[in-house]
Amino acid sequence: MSRTHRSIVLLVSLGFCLGCAGSPHPITDADLIGSEPAIRSSFLVKQEIVVPVNLSPDYVLPPGEYMPQYADRYGIFYASPAGVIQRSEGKERTVPGGIHFPNQPDRYYTFPSLYVDLPVFGITKYPLPDSVRKSSWGSHIVFLYDGKPIE
């Protein structure tokens, strides 16, 4: 086996192992946000949020209550009730996705991000626009616990 071939096999194996280590699993009572069960939380998106992505289609988080569906070692995946809208060249399609909220703010991106789950690429995360993070938190998107807003 050539050195190049061994390197490729090693990289593919490493990628497979790393991908499995953080694989999302269905949400359970054991999945936490802070010290509380994440299953009792949700996000309320009050108006659509456009997430521009460089060299890729833009995505839109539609209004609705996003419920926790999956968890991984990095955080909780809150699924959009209607899917995420993918916009490209004047066309739209709905894809599975929603909001990813980190549960380890000291070790991972500390603000919610958009996630999409595309068949070919799997789960991909994109940061929400600065305008949402800085000025519209609470007016566009609200974190709920037991149905009540958390500031």
N, C-alpha and C. Protein backbone atom coordinates (compact mmCIF):
# COMPACT_ATOMS: atom_id res chain seq x y z
N MET A 1 0.86 -1.17 0.00
CA MET A 1 0.00 0.00 0.00
C MET A 1 0.91 1.24 0.00
N SER A 2 0.61 2.17 -0.90
CA SER A 2 1.44 3.37 -1.00
C SER A 2 1.21 4.28 0.21
N ARG A 3 2.16 5.17 0.41
CA ARG A 3 2.08 6.12 1.53
C ARG A 3 0.85 7.03 1.38
N THR A 4 0.58 7.49 0.15
CA THR A 4 -0.57 8.34 -0.10
C THR A 4 -1.87 7.60 0.21
N HIS A 5 -1.95 6.34 -0.23
CA HIS A 5 -3.14 5.54 0.01
C HIS A 5 -3.37 5.34 1.51
N ARG A 6 -2.29 5.05 2.26
CA ARG A 6 -2.41 4.88 3.72
C ARG A 6 -2.88 6.18 4.37
N SER A 7 -2.36 7.32 3.90
CA SER A 7 -2.76 8.61 4.46
C SER A 7 -4.24 8.87 4.24
N ILE A 8 -4.71 8.55 3.04
CA ILE A 8 -6.13 8.75 2.73
C ILE A 8 -6.99 7.85 3.61
N VAL A 9 -6.61 6.57 3.75
CA VAL A 9 -7.35 5.64 4.59
C VAL A 9 -7.37 6.14 6.04
N LEU A 10 -6.24 6.64 6.53
CA LEU A 10 -6.16 7.15 7.90
C LEU A 10 -7.07 8.36 8.08
N LEU A 11 -7.06 9.29 7.13
CA LEU A 11 -7.90 10.48 7.24
C LEU A 11 -9.39 10.12 7.19
N VAL A 12 -9.77 9.23 6.31
CA VAL A 12 -11.16 8.80 6.22
C VAL A 12 -11.58 8.12 7.53
N SER A 13 -10.74 7.26 8.06
CA SER A 13 -11.05 6.58 9.32
C SER A 13 -11.17 7.56 10.47
N LEU A 14 -10.25 8.51 10.53
CA LEU A 14 -10.30 9.53 11.58
C LEU A 14 -11.57 10.36 11.46
N GLY A 15 -11.91 10.76 10.24
CA GLY A 15 -13.13 11.53 10.03
C GLY A 15 -14.36 10.76 10.44
N PHE A 16 -14.38 9.47 10.12
CA PHE A 16 -15.52 8.62 10.50
C PHE A 16 -15.64 8.55 12.02
N CYS A 17 -14.52 8.33 12.70
CA CYS A 17 -14.54 8.22 14.17
C CYS A 17 -14.98 9.53 14.81
N LEU A 18 -14.46 10.64 14.33
CA LEU A 18 -14.84 11.94 14.89
C LEU A 18 -16.30 12.24 14.62
N GLY A 19 -16.78 11.88 13.44
CA GLY A 19 -18.18 12.10 13.11
C GLY A 19 -19.10 11.29 14.00
N CYS A 20 -18.73 10.08 14.33
CA CYS A 20 -19.57 9.25 15.18
C CYS A 20 -19.55 9.72 16.63
N ALA A 21 -18.42 10.28 17.06
CA ALA A 21 -18.30 10.70 18.46
C ALA A 21 -19.31 11.77 18.83
N GLY A 22 -19.65 12.62 17.89
CA GLY A 22 -20.58 13.69 18.20
C GLY A 22 -21.94 13.51 17.54
N SER A 23 -22.27 12.32 17.14
CA SER A 23 -23.52 12.08 16.43
C SER A 23 -24.73 12.45 17.29
N PRO A 24 -25.67 13.16 16.70
CA PRO A 24 -26.89 13.50 17.44
C PRO A 24 -27.71 12.26 17.78
N HIS A 25 -28.35 12.31 18.93
CA HIS A 25 -29.26 11.24 19.37
C HIS A 25 -30.59 11.89 19.77
N PRO A 26 -31.67 11.15 19.75
CA PRO A 26 -32.96 11.73 20.17
C PRO A 26 -32.86 12.30 21.60
N ILE A 27 -33.52 13.42 21.81
CA ILE A 27 -33.48 14.10 23.11
C ILE A 27 -34.06 13.22 24.21
N THR A 28 -33.45 13.26 25.40
CA THR A 28 -33.94 12.53 26.56
C THR A 28 -33.92 13.45 27.78
N ASP A 29 -34.46 13.00 28.88
CA ASP A 29 -34.43 13.77 30.13
C ASP A 29 -33.00 13.99 30.63
N ALA A 30 -32.06 13.17 30.19
CA ALA A 30 -30.68 13.28 30.63
C ALA A 30 -29.92 14.40 29.92
N ASP A 31 -30.43 14.92 28.83
CA ASP A 31 -29.77 15.99 28.08
C ASP A 31 -30.09 17.32 28.75
N LEU A 32 -29.04 18.06 29.11
CA LEU A 32 -29.20 19.25 29.92
C LEU A 32 -28.80 20.53 29.20
N ILE A 33 -29.45 21.61 29.61
CA ILE A 33 -29.01 22.98 29.31
C ILE A 33 -28.71 23.56 30.68
N GLY A 34 -27.44 23.82 30.94
CA GLY A 34 -27.05 24.18 32.29
C GLY A 34 -27.26 22.95 33.16
N SER A 35 -28.06 23.08 34.19
CA SER A 35 -28.34 21.94 35.06
C SER A 35 -29.77 21.45 34.94
N GLU A 36 -30.49 21.94 33.94
CA GLU A 36 -31.91 21.61 33.76
C GLU A 36 -32.13 20.75 32.52
N PRO A 37 -33.17 19.90 32.55
CA PRO A 37 -33.47 19.07 31.37
C PRO A 37 -33.84 19.93 30.15
N ALA A 38 -33.13 19.73 29.08
CA ALA A 38 -33.37 20.50 27.85
C ALA A 38 -34.72 20.18 27.24
N ILE A 39 -35.26 19.03 27.54
CA ILE A 39 -36.54 18.62 26.95
C ILE A 39 -37.68 19.56 27.36
N ARG A 40 -37.48 20.34 28.42
CA ARG A 40 -38.50 21.27 28.90
C ARG A 40 -38.32 22.67 28.31
N SER A 41 -37.38 22.82 27.39
CA SER A 41 -37.10 24.13 26.80
C SER A 41 -37.53 24.18 25.35
N SER A 42 -37.58 25.38 24.80
CA SER A 42 -37.88 25.58 23.38
C SER A 42 -37.43 26.97 22.98
N PHE A 43 -37.46 27.24 21.69
CA PHE A 43 -37.21 28.57 21.16
C PHE A 43 -38.46 29.05 20.45
N LEU A 44 -38.80 30.30 20.65
CA LEU A 44 -39.90 30.91 19.93
C LEU A 44 -39.31 31.92 18.96
N VAL A 45 -39.46 31.67 17.67
CA VAL A 45 -39.04 32.61 16.63
C VAL A 45 -40.27 33.42 16.27
N LYS A 46 -40.22 34.73 16.54
CA LYS A 46 -41.38 35.59 16.37
C LYS A 46 -41.56 36.10 14.95
N GLN A 47 -40.47 36.26 14.23
CA GLN A 47 -40.55 36.67 12.83
C GLN A 47 -39.39 36.02 12.09
N GLU A 48 -39.52 35.91 10.78
CA GLU A 48 -38.50 35.17 10.04
C GLU A 48 -37.13 35.80 10.21
N ILE A 49 -36.13 34.93 10.26
CA ILE A 49 -34.74 35.35 10.39
C ILE A 49 -33.99 34.82 9.18
N VAL A 50 -33.45 35.74 8.38
CA VAL A 50 -32.68 35.36 7.20
C VAL A 50 -31.22 35.19 7.63
N VAL A 51 -30.65 34.05 7.28
CA VAL A 51 -29.26 33.74 7.62
C VAL A 51 -28.48 33.65 6.32
N PRO A 52 -27.75 34.73 5.97
CA PRO A 52 -26.95 34.69 4.75
C PRO A 52 -25.72 33.80 4.95
N VAL A 53 -25.39 33.02 3.93
CA VAL A 53 -24.25 32.12 4.00
C VAL A 53 -23.38 32.39 2.78
N ASN A 54 -22.09 32.68 3.01
CA ASN A 54 -21.17 32.92 1.90
C ASN A 54 -21.04 31.67 1.03
N LEU A 55 -21.04 31.86 -0.28
CA LEU A 55 -20.85 30.79 -1.26
C LEU A 55 -21.85 29.64 -1.10
N SER A 56 -23.03 29.96 -0.63
CA SER A 56 -24.05 28.94 -0.40
C SER A 56 -25.40 29.63 -0.45
N PRO A 57 -26.47 28.86 -0.56
CA PRO A 57 -27.79 29.48 -0.50
C PRO A 57 -28.02 30.13 0.86
N ASP A 58 -28.90 31.12 0.90
CA ASP A 58 -29.32 31.70 2.17
C ASP A 58 -30.36 30.78 2.79
N TYR A 59 -30.49 30.88 4.11
CA TYR A 59 -31.48 30.09 4.82
C TYR A 59 -32.39 31.02 5.60
N VAL A 60 -33.63 30.59 5.83
CA VAL A 60 -34.61 31.38 6.57
C VAL A 60 -35.21 30.51 7.67
N LEU A 61 -35.13 31.03 8.91
CA LEU A 61 -35.83 30.40 10.03
C LEU A 61 -37.23 31.00 10.08
N PRO A 62 -38.27 30.22 9.79
CA PRO A 62 -39.63 30.76 9.81
C PRO A 62 -40.14 30.90 11.24
N PRO A 63 -41.16 31.73 11.44
CA PRO A 63 -41.75 31.87 12.79
C PRO A 63 -42.33 30.54 13.27
N GLY A 64 -42.30 30.37 14.60
CA GLY A 64 -42.88 29.19 15.21
C GLY A 64 -42.13 28.81 16.46
N GLU A 65 -42.62 27.78 17.15
CA GLU A 65 -41.95 27.28 18.35
C GLU A 65 -41.09 26.08 17.96
N TYR A 66 -39.82 26.18 18.23
CA TYR A 66 -38.83 25.16 17.89
C TYR A 66 -38.61 24.28 19.12
N MET A 67 -38.94 23.02 18.96
CA MET A 67 -38.88 22.08 20.08
C MET A 67 -37.59 21.26 20.02
N PRO A 68 -37.06 20.85 21.20
CA PRO A 68 -35.84 20.04 21.21
C PRO A 68 -36.11 18.67 20.60
N GLN A 69 -35.25 18.28 19.66
CA GLN A 69 -35.45 17.01 18.98
C GLN A 69 -34.25 16.09 19.15
N TYR A 70 -33.05 16.66 19.06
CA TYR A 70 -31.82 15.88 19.17
C TYR A 70 -30.84 16.59 20.09
N ALA A 71 -29.84 15.81 20.53
CA ALA A 71 -28.74 16.37 21.32
C ALA A 71 -27.46 15.70 20.86
N ASP A 72 -26.35 16.41 21.02
CA ASP A 72 -25.04 15.81 20.83
C ASP A 72 -24.16 16.33 21.96
N ARG A 73 -22.90 16.02 21.92
CA ARG A 73 -22.04 16.44 23.03
C ARG A 73 -21.82 17.95 23.06
N TYR A 74 -22.23 18.64 22.01
CA TYR A 74 -22.03 20.09 21.95
C TYR A 74 -23.28 20.89 22.31
N GLY A 75 -24.46 20.29 22.19
CA GLY A 75 -25.66 21.06 22.47
C GLY A 75 -26.94 20.37 22.05
N ILE A 76 -27.98 21.19 21.97
CA ILE A 76 -29.32 20.71 21.70
C ILE A 76 -29.80 21.24 20.35
N PHE A 77 -30.45 20.39 19.58
CA PHE A 77 -31.01 20.75 18.28
C PHE A 77 -32.51 20.96 18.43
N TYR A 78 -32.96 22.19 18.19
CA TYR A 78 -34.37 22.54 18.27
C TYR A 78 -34.92 22.60 16.84
N ALA A 79 -35.82 21.69 16.51
CA ALA A 79 -36.32 21.56 15.14
C ALA A 79 -37.38 22.61 14.83
N SER A 80 -37.27 23.19 13.65
CA SER A 80 -38.29 24.10 13.16
C SER A 80 -39.56 23.32 12.89
N PRO A 81 -40.72 23.84 13.29
CA PRO A 81 -41.97 23.10 13.05
C PRO A 81 -42.31 22.96 11.57
N ALA A 82 -41.78 23.87 10.74
CA ALA A 82 -42.09 23.84 9.31
C ALA A 82 -40.84 23.62 8.46
N GLY A 83 -39.72 23.30 9.06
CA GLY A 83 -38.47 23.18 8.32
C GLY A 83 -37.82 24.53 8.12
N VAL A 84 -36.64 24.52 7.54
CA VAL A 84 -35.89 25.74 7.24
C VAL A 84 -35.98 25.98 5.74
N ILE A 85 -36.17 27.23 5.35
CA ILE A 85 -36.30 27.57 3.93
C ILE A 85 -34.90 27.84 3.36
N GLN A 86 -34.57 27.16 2.28
CA GLN A 86 -33.31 27.37 1.58
C GLN A 86 -33.62 28.19 0.33
N ARG A 87 -32.97 29.36 0.19
CA ARG A 87 -33.19 30.24 -0.96
C ARG A 87 -31.94 30.29 -1.82
N SER A 88 -32.14 30.03 -3.11
CA SER A 88 -31.02 30.05 -4.04
C SER A 88 -31.52 30.45 -5.42
N GLU A 89 -30.96 31.51 -5.97
CA GLU A 89 -31.27 31.97 -7.32
C GLU A 89 -32.77 32.10 -7.56
N GLY A 90 -33.47 32.70 -6.62
CA GLY A 90 -34.90 32.93 -6.78
C GLY A 90 -35.79 31.73 -6.51
N LYS A 91 -35.20 30.60 -6.16
CA LYS A 91 -35.97 29.40 -5.86
C LYS A 91 -35.92 29.12 -4.36
N GLU A 92 -36.96 28.47 -3.87
CA GLU A 92 -37.02 28.11 -2.46
C GLU A 92 -37.36 26.63 -2.32
N ARG A 93 -36.81 26.02 -1.28
CA ARG A 93 -37.21 24.67 -0.90
C ARG A 93 -37.08 24.56 0.61
N THR A 94 -37.84 23.67 1.18
CA THR A 94 -37.80 23.47 2.63
C THR A 94 -36.93 22.26 2.94
N VAL A 95 -36.04 22.44 3.92
CA VAL A 95 -35.13 21.37 4.34
C VAL A 95 -35.25 21.21 5.86
N PRO A 96 -34.93 20.02 6.37
CA PRO A 96 -34.94 19.85 7.83
C PRO A 96 -33.89 20.74 8.48
N GLY A 97 -34.24 21.30 9.63
CA GLY A 97 -33.28 22.13 10.34
C GLY A 97 -33.95 22.91 11.45
N GLY A 98 -33.20 23.85 12.01
CA GLY A 98 -33.70 24.66 13.10
C GLY A 98 -32.58 25.41 13.79
N ILE A 99 -32.61 25.39 15.12
CA ILE A 99 -31.66 26.13 15.94
C ILE A 99 -30.84 25.15 16.77
N HIS A 100 -29.53 25.33 16.77
CA HIS A 100 -28.65 24.55 17.64
C HIS A 100 -28.22 25.47 18.79
N PHE A 101 -28.40 24.99 20.02
CA PHE A 101 -28.04 25.78 21.20
C PHE A 101 -26.95 25.04 21.96
N PRO A 102 -25.78 25.66 22.14
CA PRO A 102 -24.68 24.97 22.81
C PRO A 102 -24.95 24.76 24.29
N ASN A 103 -24.51 23.62 24.80
CA ASN A 103 -24.66 23.35 26.22
C ASN A 103 -23.35 23.44 26.97
N GLN A 104 -22.28 23.78 26.26
CA GLN A 104 -20.97 23.93 26.88
C GLN A 104 -20.39 25.28 26.48
N PRO A 105 -20.91 26.38 27.03
CA PRO A 105 -20.49 27.70 26.58
C PRO A 105 -19.01 28.00 26.79
N ASP A 106 -18.35 27.28 27.68
CA ASP A 106 -16.93 27.51 27.88
C ASP A 106 -16.07 26.79 26.85
N ARG A 107 -16.66 25.87 26.08
CA ARG A 107 -15.88 25.08 25.13
C ARG A 107 -16.39 25.13 23.71
N TYR A 108 -17.44 25.86 23.44
CA TYR A 108 -18.03 25.85 22.11
C TYR A 108 -18.69 27.19 21.86
N TYR A 109 -19.00 27.46 20.65
CA TYR A 109 -19.68 28.69 20.26
C TYR A 109 -20.86 28.94 21.19
N THR A 110 -20.92 30.11 21.82
CA THR A 110 -21.85 30.32 22.93
C THR A 110 -23.19 30.93 22.56
N PHE A 111 -23.47 31.11 21.29
CA PHE A 111 -24.74 31.68 20.88
C PHE A 111 -25.44 30.70 19.96
N PRO A 112 -26.76 30.67 19.97
CA PRO A 112 -27.47 29.74 19.07
C PRO A 112 -27.07 29.95 17.61
N SER A 113 -27.12 28.87 16.86
CA SER A 113 -26.82 28.95 15.44
C SER A 113 -27.92 28.21 14.67
N LEU A 114 -28.00 28.47 13.38
CA LEU A 114 -28.90 27.74 12.51
C LEU A 114 -28.25 26.41 12.17
N TYR A 115 -29.05 25.36 12.10
CA TYR A 115 -28.53 24.11 11.56
C TYR A 115 -29.45 23.63 10.46
N VAL A 116 -28.88 22.98 9.47
CA VAL A 116 -29.64 22.31 8.43
C VAL A 116 -29.12 20.88 8.35
N ASP A 117 -30.01 19.97 8.01
CA ASP A 117 -29.66 18.56 7.90
C ASP A 117 -29.91 18.14 6.46
N LEU A 118 -28.87 18.24 5.65
CA LEU A 118 -28.99 17.93 4.23
C LEU A 118 -28.53 16.50 3.97
N PRO A 119 -29.24 15.78 3.10
CA PRO A 119 -28.94 14.36 2.88
C PRO A 119 -27.49 14.09 2.51
N VAL A 120 -26.89 14.89 1.65
CA VAL A 120 -25.54 14.63 1.19
C VAL A 120 -24.49 15.09 2.20
N PHE A 121 -24.74 16.21 2.87
CA PHE A 121 -23.73 16.82 3.73
C PHE A 121 -23.95 16.56 5.22
N GLY A 122 -25.11 16.07 5.61
CA GLY A 122 -25.41 15.87 7.03
C GLY A 122 -25.73 17.20 7.69
N ILE A 123 -25.51 17.27 8.99
CA ILE A 123 -25.82 18.48 9.75
C ILE A 123 -24.71 19.50 9.60
N THR A 124 -25.11 20.71 9.21
CA THR A 124 -24.18 21.82 9.06
C THR A 124 -24.74 22.99 9.86
N LYS A 125 -23.85 23.70 10.56
CA LYS A 125 -24.28 24.83 11.39
C LYS A 125 -23.73 26.13 10.83
N TYR A 126 -24.55 27.19 10.93
CA TYR A 126 -24.16 28.52 10.48
C TYR A 126 -24.52 29.53 11.57
N PRO A 127 -23.65 30.51 11.83
CA PRO A 127 -23.98 31.50 12.85
C PRO A 127 -25.17 32.36 12.44
N LEU A 128 -25.98 32.72 13.43
CA LEU A 128 -27.06 33.66 13.17
C LEU A 128 -26.46 35.02 12.88
N PRO A 129 -27.14 35.87 12.13
CA PRO A 129 -26.59 37.19 11.80
C PRO A 129 -26.31 38.03 13.06
N ASP A 130 -25.32 38.90 12.95
CA ASP A 130 -24.97 39.79 14.06
C ASP A 130 -26.18 40.58 14.55
N SER A 131 -27.06 40.98 13.63
CA SER A 131 -28.22 41.78 14.04
C SER A 131 -29.11 41.01 15.02
N VAL A 132 -29.19 39.70 14.87
CA VAL A 132 -29.99 38.88 15.80
C VAL A 132 -29.26 38.76 17.13
N ARG A 133 -27.98 38.56 17.06
CA ARG A 133 -27.20 38.37 18.29
C ARG A 133 -27.08 39.64 19.11
N LYS A 134 -27.05 40.79 18.45
CA LYS A 134 -26.77 42.03 19.17
C LYS A 134 -28.01 42.85 19.49
N SER A 135 -28.96 42.94 18.55
CA SER A 135 -30.04 43.90 18.77
C SER A 135 -31.45 43.32 18.80
N SER A 136 -31.67 42.17 18.20
CA SER A 136 -33.05 41.70 18.11
C SER A 136 -33.35 40.50 19.00
N TRP A 137 -32.38 40.10 19.84
CA TRP A 137 -32.65 39.00 20.77
C TRP A 137 -33.82 39.41 21.65
N GLY A 138 -34.83 38.62 21.71
CA GLY A 138 -36.02 38.96 22.49
C GLY A 138 -37.13 39.50 21.62
N SER A 139 -36.78 40.19 20.55
CA SER A 139 -37.82 40.68 19.64
C SER A 139 -38.01 39.71 18.48
N HIS A 140 -36.96 39.03 18.04
CA HIS A 140 -37.05 38.05 16.96
C HIS A 140 -37.09 36.61 17.48
N ILE A 141 -36.34 36.37 18.54
CA ILE A 141 -36.17 35.00 19.04
C ILE A 141 -36.13 35.03 20.57
N VAL A 142 -36.83 34.08 21.19
CA VAL A 142 -36.93 34.03 22.64
C VAL A 142 -36.69 32.59 23.10
N PHE A 143 -35.88 32.43 24.14
CA PHE A 143 -35.66 31.11 24.74
C PHE A 143 -36.73 30.90 25.80
N LEU A 144 -37.41 29.74 25.74
CA LEU A 144 -38.48 29.43 26.69
C LEU A 144 -38.09 28.22 27.54
N TYR A 145 -38.47 28.27 28.81
CA TYR A 145 -38.31 27.10 29.66
C TYR A 145 -39.64 26.88 30.37
N ASP A 146 -40.19 25.69 30.25
CA ASP A 146 -41.53 25.39 30.73
C ASP A 146 -42.54 26.41 30.19
N GLY A 147 -42.32 26.83 28.93
CA GLY A 147 -43.24 27.76 28.25
C GLY A 147 -43.10 29.21 28.64
N LYS A 148 -42.13 29.54 29.52
CA LYS A 148 -41.95 30.93 29.97
C LYS A 148 -40.64 31.49 29.45
N PRO A 149 -40.64 32.77 29.03
CA PRO A 149 -39.41 33.38 28.51
C PRO A 149 -38.32 33.45 29.58
N ILE A 150 -37.08 33.19 29.15
CA ILE A 150 -35.91 33.30 30.00
C ILE A 150 -35.06 34.44 29.44
N GLU A 151 -34.74 35.38 30.25
CA GLU A 151 -33.92 36.53 29.82
C GLU A 151 -32.46 36.17 29.82
